[in-house]
Amino acid sequence: MKFPYRKYPNRAPNAICPDASIRVPIIPLRVLTTPDRYLDTYALVDSGAQLCLFPAEYARYLGLDPAHGIAIPVHGIGGATLSALFQPVTLEVGGWGYQAPVGFAESGVPVPLLGQIGFFDHARVIFDYTNEKIEILPHRTTGKA
C-alpha cells in the first residue's frame, strides 16, 4: 500500500526548511473495537515512537472501559512523562487489519502516533521523502487482506 505524504504550511521557513510546505508521513487509519464500533482518522507514522499512542477521546468514542486497560508511564522526547492506558484494538490500514496494543493518553498526544510496537512490528515501512510517498508492506496477512 502506498500513501502520499500530506503537506502542511511551513509557518517559519528557514535555511534548513526553506519550502513553503512541509511533508509529513500521515496515513488514513481505521480503529475498531467491534465491527460496528470504529473510528476513521489519520495517524502519523513515527519511527521514533516506541509505542502507538492516541488521544484519550478516541478511547471514549470507541466505548473502551478504562477499568480494562493497563496504565503505563510513557516518556517523550523532551523528557516529559505521561500516563497512557493501553488496550488492544484492531487497526486497519488500506483494508489490512490486525490487533495491536494502543495507549490512550489524556494529554501530550495531539495526533495518533503509530510506533515500533503495534505498527512497525507488523509491517515493513518504506519512507520515500523525495517522492513524497510512504509504503506499508504487511509482514503477514491478518484479518482482512
C-alpha atoms as a PDB file:
ATOM      1  CA  MET A   1       0.000   0.000   0.000  1.00  0.00           C
ATOM      2  CA  LYS A   2       1.351   3.406  -0.899  1.00  0.00           C
ATOM      3  CA  PHE A   3       0.206   6.696   0.543  1.00  0.00           C
ATOM      4  CA  PRO A   4       1.258  10.229  -0.365  1.00  0.00           C
ATOM      5  CA  TYR A   5       2.880  12.369   2.275  1.00  0.00           C
ATOM      6  CA  ARG A   6       0.496  15.050   3.496  1.00  0.00           C
ATOM      7  CA  LYS A   7       1.560  18.653   3.072  1.00  0.00           C
ATOM      8  CA  TYR A   8       1.137  21.357   5.685  1.00  0.00           C
ATOM      9  CA  PRO A   9       2.108  25.026   5.548  1.00  0.00           C
ATOM     10  CA  ASN A  10       5.582  25.784   6.837  1.00  0.00           C
ATOM     11  CA  ARG A  11       4.840  28.722   9.105  1.00  0.00           C
ATOM     12  CA  ALA A  12       8.505  29.560   9.652  1.00  0.00           C
ATOM     13  CA  PRO A  13      10.608  28.819   6.567  1.00  0.00           C
ATOM     14  CA  ASN A  14      14.324  28.934   7.349  1.00  0.00           C
ATOM     15  CA  ALA A  15      17.707  27.829   5.992  1.00  0.00           C
ATOM     16  CA  ILE A  16      17.069  24.195   6.973  1.00  0.00           C
ATOM     17  CA  CYS A  17      13.426  24.028   5.809  1.00  0.00           C
ATOM     18  CA  PRO A  18      13.064  26.729   3.136  1.00  0.00           C
ATOM     19  CA  ASP A  19       9.986  25.278   1.380  1.00  0.00           C
ATOM     20  CA  ALA A  20       6.538  26.823   1.818  1.00  0.00           C
ATOM     21  CA  SER A  21       5.173  23.449   2.917  1.00  0.00           C
ATOM     22  CA  ILE A  22       6.375  20.533   4.978  1.00  0.00           C
ATOM     23  CA  ARG A  23       5.768  16.891   4.046  1.00  0.00           C
ATOM     24  CA  VAL A  24       4.595  14.504   6.747  1.00  0.00           C
ATOM     25  CA  PRO A  25       4.012  10.695   6.669  1.00  0.00           C
ATOM     26  CA  ILE A  26       0.395  10.690   7.797  1.00  0.00           C
ATOM     27  CA  ILE A  27      -1.825   7.833   6.632  1.00  0.00           C
ATOM     28  CA  PRO A  28      -5.544   7.039   6.812  1.00  0.00           C
ATOM     29  CA  LEU A  29      -6.375   4.604   9.597  1.00  0.00           C
ATOM     30  CA  ARG A  30      -9.448   2.835  10.938  1.00  0.00           C
ATOM     31  CA  VAL A  31      -9.503   1.940  14.649  1.00  0.00           C
ATOM     32  CA  LEU A  32     -12.039  -0.734  15.650  1.00  0.00           C
ATOM     33  CA  THR A  33     -13.244  -2.228  18.906  1.00  0.00           C
ATOM     34  CA  THR A  34     -16.078  -4.187  17.235  1.00  0.00           C
ATOM     35  CA  PRO A  35     -17.177  -4.393  13.599  1.00  0.00           C
ATOM     36  CA  ASP A  36     -19.880  -1.813  14.381  1.00  0.00           C
ATOM     37  CA  ARG A  37     -17.751   0.445  16.591  1.00  0.00           C
ATOM     38  CA  TYR A  38     -14.937   2.161  14.724  1.00  0.00           C
ATOM     39  CA  LEU A  39     -13.285   5.491  14.086  1.00  0.00           C
ATOM     40  CA  ASP A  40     -11.774   6.652  10.793  1.00  0.00           C
ATOM     41  CA  THR A  41      -8.851   9.001  11.327  1.00  0.00           C
ATOM     42  CA  TYR A  42      -5.327   9.834  10.199  1.00  0.00           C
ATOM     43  CA  ALA A  43      -2.162   8.827  12.056  1.00  0.00           C
ATOM     44  CA  LEU A  44       1.466   9.920  11.966  1.00  0.00           C
ATOM     45  CA  VAL A  45       3.841   7.065  11.135  1.00  0.00           C
ATOM     46  CA  ASP A  46       6.534   7.817  13.714  1.00  0.00           C
ATOM     47  CA  SER A  47       9.688   5.688  13.507  1.00  0.00           C
ATOM     48  CA  GLY A  48      10.951   7.372  16.686  1.00  0.00           C
ATOM     49  CA  ALA A  49       7.946   6.330  18.765  1.00  0.00           C
ATOM     50  CA  GLN A  50       8.315   3.089  20.689  1.00  0.00           C
ATOM     51  CA  LEU A  51       4.544   2.626  21.120  1.00  0.00           C
ATOM     52  CA  CYS A  52       1.261   3.506  19.437  1.00  0.00           C
ATOM     53  CA  LEU A  53      -0.344   6.419  21.275  1.00  0.00           C
ATOM     54  CA  PHE A  54      -3.677   8.087  20.631  1.00  0.00           C
ATOM     55  CA  PRO A  55      -5.603  10.911  22.311  1.00  0.00           C
ATOM     56  CA  ALA A  56      -7.885   9.669  25.140  1.00  0.00           C
ATOM     57  CA  GLU A  57     -11.026  10.974  23.440  1.00  0.00           C
ATOM     58  CA  TYR A  58     -10.597   8.182  20.858  1.00  0.00           C
ATOM     59  CA  ALA A  59     -10.992   5.563  23.613  1.00  0.00           C
ATOM     60  CA  ARG A  60     -14.141   7.263  24.884  1.00  0.00           C
ATOM     61  CA  TYR A  61     -15.592   7.446  21.361  1.00  0.00           C
ATOM     62  CA  LEU A  62     -14.828   3.752  20.827  1.00  0.00           C
ATOM     63  CA  GLY A  63     -16.555   2.828  24.097  1.00  0.00           C
ATOM     64  CA  LEU A  64     -13.454   1.399  25.770  1.00  0.00           C
ATOM     65  CA  ASP A  65     -13.723   0.825  29.512  1.00  0.00           C
ATOM     66  CA  PRO A  66     -10.736   2.350  31.369  1.00  0.00           C
ATOM     67  CA  ALA A  67     -11.012  -0.371  34.017  1.00  0.00           C
ATOM     68  CA  HIS A  68      -9.884  -2.934  31.436  1.00  0.00           C
ATOM     69  CA  GLY A  69      -6.757  -1.044  30.371  1.00  0.00           C
ATOM     70  CA  ILE A  70      -3.178  -1.246  31.593  1.00  0.00           C
ATOM     71  CA  ALA A  71      -1.723   2.075  32.814  1.00  0.00           C
ATOM     72  CA  ILE A  72       1.875   2.551  31.683  1.00  0.00           C
ATOM     73  CA  PRO A  73       4.027   5.679  32.053  1.00  0.00           C
ATOM     74  CA  VAL A  74       5.404   6.823  28.694  1.00  0.00           C
ATOM     75  CA  HIS A  75       8.452   9.059  28.303  1.00  0.00           C
ATOM     76  CA  GLY A  76       8.584  11.585  25.461  1.00  0.00           C
ATOM     77  CA  ILE A  77      11.404  13.154  23.519  1.00  0.00           C
ATOM     78  CA  GLY A  78      11.519  16.202  25.790  1.00  0.00           C
ATOM     79  CA  GLY A  79      11.756  14.071  28.911  1.00  0.00           C
ATOM     80  CA  ALA A  80       8.129  14.580  29.847  1.00  0.00           C
ATOM     81  CA  THR A  81       6.253  11.601  31.246  1.00  0.00           C
ATOM     82  CA  LEU A  82       2.617  10.959  30.502  1.00  0.00           C
ATOM     83  CA  SER A  83       0.319   8.169  31.574  1.00  0.00           C
ATOM     84  CA  ALA A  84      -1.326   6.107  28.869  1.00  0.00           C
ATOM     85  CA  LEU A  85      -3.995   3.465  29.294  1.00  0.00           C
ATOM     86  CA  PHE A  86      -3.221   0.567  26.930  1.00  0.00           C
ATOM     87  CA  GLN A  87      -5.938  -1.587  25.420  1.00  0.00           C
ATOM     88  CA  PRO A  88      -5.996  -3.932  22.431  1.00  0.00           C
ATOM     89  CA  VAL A  89      -7.810  -2.625  19.371  1.00  0.00           C
ATOM     90  CA  THR A  90      -7.902  -3.545  15.714  1.00  0.00           C
ATOM     91  CA  LEU A  91      -6.037  -1.204  13.378  1.00  0.00           C
ATOM     92  CA  GLU A  92      -6.849  -1.195   9.659  1.00  0.00           C
ATOM     93  CA  VAL A  93      -4.654   0.358   7.004  1.00  0.00           C
ATOM     94  CA  GLY A  94      -5.840   0.119   3.417  1.00  0.00           C
ATOM     95  CA  GLY A  95      -8.160  -2.791   4.275  1.00  0.00           C
ATOM     96  CA  TRP A  96      -5.400  -4.763   6.081  1.00  0.00           C
ATOM     97  CA  GLY A  97      -6.266  -5.259   9.739  1.00  0.00           C
ATOM     98  CA  TYR A  98      -4.551  -6.636  12.828  1.00  0.00           C
ATOM     99  CA  GLN A  99      -4.760  -6.386  16.615  1.00  0.00           C
ATOM    100  CA  ALA A 100      -2.369  -4.096  18.447  1.00  0.00           C
ATOM    101  CA  PRO A 101      -1.924  -2.562  21.885  1.00  0.00           C
ATOM    102  CA  VAL A 102      -2.662   1.166  21.778  1.00  0.00           C
ATOM    103  CA  GLY A 103      -2.116   3.639  24.595  1.00  0.00           C
ATOM    104  CA  PHE A 104      -4.715   6.344  25.110  1.00  0.00           C
ATOM    105  CA  ALA A 105      -3.422   9.459  26.890  1.00  0.00           C
ATOM    106  CA  GLU A 106      -5.319  12.435  28.318  1.00  0.00           C
ATOM    107  CA  SER A 107      -2.581  14.882  27.307  1.00  0.00           C
ATOM    108  CA  GLY A 108       0.621  15.101  25.331  1.00  0.00           C
ATOM    109  CA  VAL A 109      -0.644  13.254  22.240  1.00  0.00           C
ATOM    110  CA  PRO A 110      -2.109  15.783  19.790  1.00  0.00           C
ATOM    111  CA  VAL A 111      -2.422  13.285  16.917  1.00  0.00           C
ATOM    112  CA  PRO A 112      -2.456   9.472  16.742  1.00  0.00           C
ATOM    113  CA  LEU A 113       1.091   8.085  16.581  1.00  0.00           C
ATOM    114  CA  LEU A 114       1.937   4.710  15.049  1.00  0.00           C
ATOM    115  CA  GLY A 115       5.150   3.433  16.640  1.00  0.00           C
ATOM    116  CA  GLN A 116       7.506   0.472  16.746  1.00  0.00           C
ATOM    117  CA  ILE A 117       5.347  -1.829  18.907  1.00  0.00           C
ATOM    118  CA  GLY A 118       1.904  -2.132  17.365  1.00  0.00           C
ATOM    119  CA  PHE A 119       2.779  -0.910  13.875  1.00  0.00           C
ATOM    120  CA  PHE A 120       6.372  -1.366  12.714  1.00  0.00           C
ATOM    121  CA  ASP A 121       6.430  -4.868  14.208  1.00  0.00           C
ATOM    122  CA  HIS A 122       3.546  -5.794  11.850  1.00  0.00           C
ATOM    123  CA  ALA A 123       4.776  -4.256   8.609  1.00  0.00           C
ATOM    124  CA  ARG A 124       7.753  -3.149   6.608  1.00  0.00           C
ATOM    125  CA  VAL A 125       7.608   0.624   6.226  1.00  0.00           C
ATOM    126  CA  ILE A 126       9.423   2.463   3.453  1.00  0.00           C
ATOM    127  CA  PHE A 127       9.722   6.236   3.723  1.00  0.00           C
ATOM    128  CA  ASP A 128      10.369   7.877   0.342  1.00  0.00           C
ATOM    129  CA  TYR A 129      10.702  11.543   1.212  1.00  0.00           C
ATOM    130  CA  THR A 130      11.991  12.598  -2.213  1.00  0.00           C
ATOM    131  CA  ASN A 131       8.962  11.135  -3.998  1.00  0.00           C
ATOM    132  CA  GLU A 132       6.640  12.097  -1.120  1.00  0.00           C
ATOM    133  CA  LYS A 133       5.331   8.564  -0.551  1.00  0.00           C
ATOM    134  CA  ILE A 134       5.202   6.065   2.276  1.00  0.00           C
ATOM    135  CA  GLU A 135       4.785   2.368   1.534  1.00  0.00           C
ATOM    136  CA  ILE A 136       3.361  -0.144   4.020  1.00  0.00           C
ATOM    137  CA  LEU A 137       4.041  -3.840   3.377  1.00  0.00           C
ATOM    138  CA  PRO A 138       2.395  -6.190   5.908  1.00  0.00           C
ATOM    139  CA  HIS A 139       4.701  -8.936   7.261  1.00  0.00           C
ATOM    140  CA  ARG A 140       1.818 -11.384   7.283  1.00  0.00           C
ATOM    141  CA  THR A 141      -1.815 -11.187   6.403  1.00  0.00           C
ATOM    142  CA  THR A 142      -4.048 -10.970   9.455  1.00  0.00           C
ATOM    143  CA  GLY A 143      -7.651 -10.005   9.357  1.00  0.00           C
ATOM    144  CA  LYS A 144      -8.709  -8.515   6.059  1.00  0.00           C
ATOM    145  CA  ALA A 145      -6.235  -8.616   3.184  1.00  0.00           C
END
